[in-house]
Amino acid sequence: MKKSLILLSIISLFVVSSPDRAVSEARKLIMLPKPAMTGGMPLMTALAKRQSSRSFSEKPLPDQVLSNLLWAADGVNRPDSGKRTAPSAMNKQEIDIYVALAEGLYRYDAAKHALELVLDRDIRAQTGQQDFVAGAALNLVYVADLSAAAGSDREEKVMYAAADTGFIGQNVYLFCASEGLATVIRGYIDRKALGKAMKLKSGQMIILAQTVGYPGK
């Protein structure tokens, strides 16, 4: 009996400390590298180069580029107040950025500058109804928490959420122009099906999505 207990203890220790389990736990929260907040293309040059593209390479973005992209989109640029690179009505910060990658779906936590695992599977193809979304490096899905949005009624909340999404999307466009990446913002989405796949709550609303990646041939 004593030998059996010792054997079970050894097996339990092996399971708890197995590398696969450690990797799985680590993937639940990915701390991104510190964003590079200097350099890049001059603003007027980036504006001149800003464009939509629907041709993408399948090459993934390096971690540093992904970090810079998300910080540019809606990262914290004033740590003392928690305010962001993109404005929001009454500073409600009601837009969440979900990042659909080949390895899974993540939510961008701006305060931690980290990716929080939502789904451990590839749902890129479900983020839009155009063929290119399935193979591009990533798709950003902009989701509004209407319970947190500015406005006195649903119509006003949706209006503000749409405007705030537009600010974030334009930040992404300018970053992509500066970085030599391809991007396009999209509204052609089966929102009901995607919301179900993402396990969104009733108060959450998909506004738009945006594909980002290296240019295709």
Protein backbone atom coordinates (compact mmCIF):
# COMPACT_ATOMS: atom_id res chain seq x y z
CA MET A 1 0.00 0.00 0.00
CA LYS A 2 2.78 2.37 0.93
CA LYS A 3 4.64 1.59 -2.30
CA SER A 4 1.46 2.32 -4.31
CA LEU A 5 1.06 5.72 -2.66
CA ILE A 6 4.67 6.59 -3.42
CA LEU A 7 4.22 5.53 -7.05
CA LEU A 8 1.04 7.65 -7.39
CA SER A 9 2.87 10.64 -5.91
CA ILE A 10 5.66 10.29 -8.46
CA ILE A 11 3.15 10.02 -11.33
CA SER A 12 1.26 13.08 -10.08
CA LEU A 13 4.47 15.09 -9.84
CA PHE A 14 5.37 14.13 -13.41
CA VAL A 15 1.94 15.16 -14.74
CA VAL A 16 1.95 18.51 -12.96
CA SER A 17 5.44 19.38 -14.12
CA SER A 18 5.21 18.00 -17.66
CA PRO A 19 6.44 20.42 -20.35
CA ASP A 20 3.21 20.11 -22.36
CA ARG A 21 1.14 21.26 -19.40
CA ALA A 22 3.52 24.17 -18.74
CA VAL A 23 3.29 25.30 -22.36
CA SER A 24 -0.51 25.04 -22.28
CA GLU A 25 -0.72 27.14 -19.11
CA ALA A 26 1.72 29.71 -20.51
CA ARG A 27 -0.36 30.14 -23.66
CA LYS A 28 -3.34 31.37 -21.65
CA LEU A 29 -1.65 34.76 -21.24
CA ILE A 30 1.06 35.83 -23.67
CA MET A 31 3.03 38.85 -22.50
CA LEU A 32 3.99 40.82 -25.59
CA PRO A 33 7.40 42.45 -26.01
CA LYS A 34 7.60 46.10 -25.05
CA PRO A 35 6.33 48.11 -28.05
CA ALA A 36 8.77 50.25 -30.00
CA MET A 37 7.40 53.78 -29.66
CA THR A 38 9.97 55.56 -31.80
CA GLY A 39 10.91 55.44 -35.46
CA GLY A 40 8.65 54.49 -38.30
CA MET A 41 7.60 56.42 -41.36
CA PRO A 42 6.83 60.17 -41.23
CA LEU A 43 3.09 60.74 -40.77
CA MET A 44 2.48 62.47 -44.10
CA THR A 45 4.32 59.70 -45.96
CA ALA A 46 2.27 57.06 -44.16
CA LEU A 47 -0.93 58.89 -45.10
CA ALA A 48 0.19 58.99 -48.72
CA LYS A 49 0.82 55.22 -48.65
CA ARG A 50 -2.32 54.23 -46.72
CA GLN A 51 -4.45 51.81 -48.73
CA SER A 52 -6.63 48.70 -48.54
CA SER A 53 -5.33 45.37 -49.81
CA ARG A 54 -7.00 42.00 -50.28
CA SER A 55 -3.92 39.97 -51.12
CA PHE A 56 -2.03 38.49 -48.17
CA SER A 57 0.90 36.18 -47.56
CA GLU A 58 0.49 33.38 -44.98
CA LYS A 59 3.76 34.41 -43.30
CA PRO A 60 3.13 35.07 -39.58
CA LEU A 61 4.06 38.38 -37.97
CA PRO A 62 7.05 38.35 -35.59
CA ASP A 63 6.16 38.95 -31.94
CA GLN A 64 7.70 42.43 -31.96
CA VAL A 65 5.68 43.50 -35.00
CA LEU A 66 2.50 42.12 -33.42
CA SER A 67 3.30 44.00 -30.23
CA ASN A 68 3.86 47.26 -32.10
CA LEU A 69 0.69 46.74 -34.15
CA LEU A 70 -1.58 46.24 -31.15
CA TRP A 71 -0.05 49.11 -29.21
CA ALA A 72 -0.51 51.38 -32.23
CA ALA A 73 -4.11 50.18 -32.59
CA ASP A 74 -5.31 50.92 -29.07
CA GLY A 75 -2.47 50.56 -26.58
CA VAL A 76 -1.89 52.59 -23.45
CA ASN A 77 0.18 55.68 -24.32
CA ARG A 78 -0.34 57.52 -21.01
CA PRO A 79 0.31 55.02 -18.21
CA ASP A 80 -0.62 57.46 -15.43
CA SER A 81 -4.20 57.70 -16.68
CA GLY A 82 -4.52 54.49 -18.71
CA LYS A 83 -5.55 56.47 -21.79
CA ARG A 84 -5.01 54.98 -25.22
CA THR A 85 -3.56 55.70 -28.65
CA ALA A 86 -7.15 55.80 -30.01
CA PRO A 87 -9.83 58.07 -28.53
CA SER A 88 -13.18 56.79 -27.28
CA ALA A 89 -16.36 58.68 -26.40
CA MET A 90 -16.14 59.81 -22.76
CA ASN A 91 -13.02 57.61 -22.50
CA LYS A 92 -15.26 54.56 -22.08
CA GLN A 93 -12.75 52.28 -23.88
CA GLU A 94 -15.63 49.96 -24.76
CA ILE A 95 -13.95 48.31 -27.77
CA ASP A 96 -12.12 45.02 -27.27
CA ILE A 97 -9.70 43.84 -29.93
CA TYR A 98 -9.83 40.09 -30.53
CA VAL A 99 -6.86 38.67 -32.44
CA ALA A 100 -7.52 35.59 -34.59
CA LEU A 101 -4.24 33.77 -35.25
CA ALA A 102 -3.48 30.33 -36.66
CA GLU A 103 -2.90 29.01 -33.12
CA GLY A 104 -6.06 30.45 -31.59
CA LEU A 105 -8.24 33.43 -30.72
CA TYR A 106 -6.92 35.96 -28.21
CA ARG A 107 -8.22 39.15 -26.59
CA TYR A 108 -5.79 42.06 -26.40
CA ASP A 109 -5.41 43.31 -22.83
CA ALA A 110 -4.12 46.86 -23.31
CA ALA A 111 -3.38 47.46 -19.62
CA LYS A 112 -1.10 44.41 -19.46
CA HIS A 113 -0.03 44.66 -23.12
CA ALA A 114 -0.76 40.96 -23.37
CA LEU A 115 -2.85 38.45 -25.29
CA GLU A 116 -5.40 36.46 -23.30
CA LEU A 117 -6.40 33.11 -24.81
CA VAL A 118 -10.11 32.85 -25.64
CA LEU A 119 -10.24 29.83 -27.97
CA ASP A 120 -7.53 27.26 -28.56
CA ARG A 121 -8.34 26.81 -32.27
CA ASP A 122 -8.06 28.60 -35.59
CA ILE A 123 -11.22 30.58 -36.44
CA ARG A 124 -9.67 32.97 -38.99
CA ALA A 125 -11.95 31.68 -41.76
CA GLN A 126 -15.01 32.58 -39.67
CA THR A 127 -13.98 36.22 -39.22
CA GLY A 128 -15.22 37.17 -42.68
CA GLN A 129 -16.82 35.96 -45.86
CA GLN A 130 -13.92 36.61 -48.22
CA ASP A 131 -11.44 33.88 -49.11
CA PHE A 132 -8.32 35.76 -48.05
CA VAL A 133 -9.26 35.92 -44.35
CA ALA A 134 -8.51 32.22 -43.77
CA GLY A 135 -4.85 32.36 -44.78
CA ALA A 136 -3.74 35.83 -43.69
CA ALA A 137 -1.44 36.11 -40.67
CA LEU A 138 -4.18 37.52 -38.45
CA ASN A 139 -7.61 39.04 -38.32
CA LEU A 140 -8.59 41.67 -35.77
CA VAL A 141 -12.21 41.58 -34.64
CA TYR A 142 -13.51 44.77 -33.01
CA VAL A 143 -16.13 43.98 -30.37
CA ALA A 144 -18.09 46.62 -28.46
CA ASP A 145 -19.28 46.10 -24.91
CA LEU A 146 -22.48 48.12 -25.22
CA SER A 147 -23.06 48.01 -21.47
CA ALA A 148 -19.90 50.10 -21.08
CA ALA A 149 -20.37 52.42 -24.10
CA ALA A 150 -21.23 56.10 -23.94
CA GLY A 151 -24.77 57.10 -24.91
CA SER A 152 -28.26 57.29 -23.46
CA ASP A 153 -29.84 54.53 -25.60
CA ARG A 154 -28.78 51.60 -27.78
CA GLU A 155 -28.76 53.61 -31.02
CA GLU A 156 -26.43 56.21 -29.54
CA LYS A 157 -24.19 53.55 -27.97
CA VAL A 158 -23.82 51.77 -31.32
CA MET A 159 -23.03 55.08 -33.04
CA TYR A 160 -20.25 55.89 -30.57
CA ALA A 161 -18.91 52.32 -30.70
CA ALA A 162 -18.75 52.47 -34.50
CA ALA A 163 -16.87 55.79 -34.39
CA ASP A 164 -14.43 54.47 -31.78
CA THR A 165 -13.79 51.37 -33.90
CA GLY A 166 -13.02 53.65 -36.85
CA PHE A 167 -10.32 55.43 -34.84
CA ILE A 168 -8.66 52.13 -33.98
CA GLY A 169 -8.93 50.88 -37.56
CA GLN A 170 -7.24 53.99 -38.91
CA ASN A 171 -4.39 53.59 -36.42
CA VAL A 172 -3.92 50.07 -37.80
CA TYR A 173 -3.97 51.39 -41.37
CA LEU A 174 -1.27 53.95 -40.63
CA PHE A 175 0.88 51.45 -38.78
CA CYS A 176 0.61 49.02 -41.68
CA ALA A 177 1.53 51.72 -44.18
CA SER A 178 4.60 52.57 -42.11
CA GLU A 179 5.58 48.91 -41.60
CA GLY A 180 4.99 47.74 -45.19
CA LEU A 181 2.10 45.46 -44.19
CA ALA A 182 -1.15 44.85 -46.05
CA THR A 183 -4.50 45.49 -44.38
CA VAL A 184 -8.19 45.96 -45.07
CA ILE A 185 -11.06 46.75 -42.72
CA ARG A 186 -14.17 44.67 -43.32
CA GLY A 187 -17.88 44.64 -42.59
CA TYR A 188 -18.75 41.55 -44.65
CA ILE A 189 -19.14 39.26 -41.62
CA ASP A 190 -21.67 36.70 -40.45
CA ARG A 191 -21.88 38.38 -37.05
CA LYS A 192 -24.29 35.90 -35.52
CA ALA A 193 -22.16 32.87 -36.42
CA LEU A 194 -18.89 34.58 -35.49
CA GLY A 195 -20.28 35.81 -32.17
CA LYS A 196 -21.34 32.26 -31.34
CA ALA A 197 -17.91 30.88 -32.31
CA MET A 198 -16.22 33.54 -30.15
CA LYS A 199 -18.60 32.80 -27.25
CA LEU A 200 -19.54 36.46 -26.92
CA LYS A 201 -21.99 37.60 -24.26
CA SER A 202 -25.36 39.16 -25.03
CA GLY A 203 -24.10 42.71 -24.37
CA GLN A 204 -21.20 42.36 -26.81
CA MET A 205 -21.51 43.40 -30.45
CA ILE A 206 -19.14 42.77 -33.36
CA ILE A 207 -18.63 46.08 -35.17
CA LEU A 208 -15.98 45.40 -37.83
CA ALA A 209 -12.98 43.16 -38.56
CA GLN A 210 -9.60 43.97 -40.06
CA THR A 211 -7.17 41.63 -41.80
CA VAL A 212 -3.44 42.25 -41.40
CA GLY A 213 -0.44 40.49 -42.90
CA TYR A 214 2.46 40.69 -45.28
CA PRO A 215 1.46 41.53 -48.86
CA GLY A 216 0.66 38.60 -51.12
CA LYS A 217 2.27 38.06 -54.50
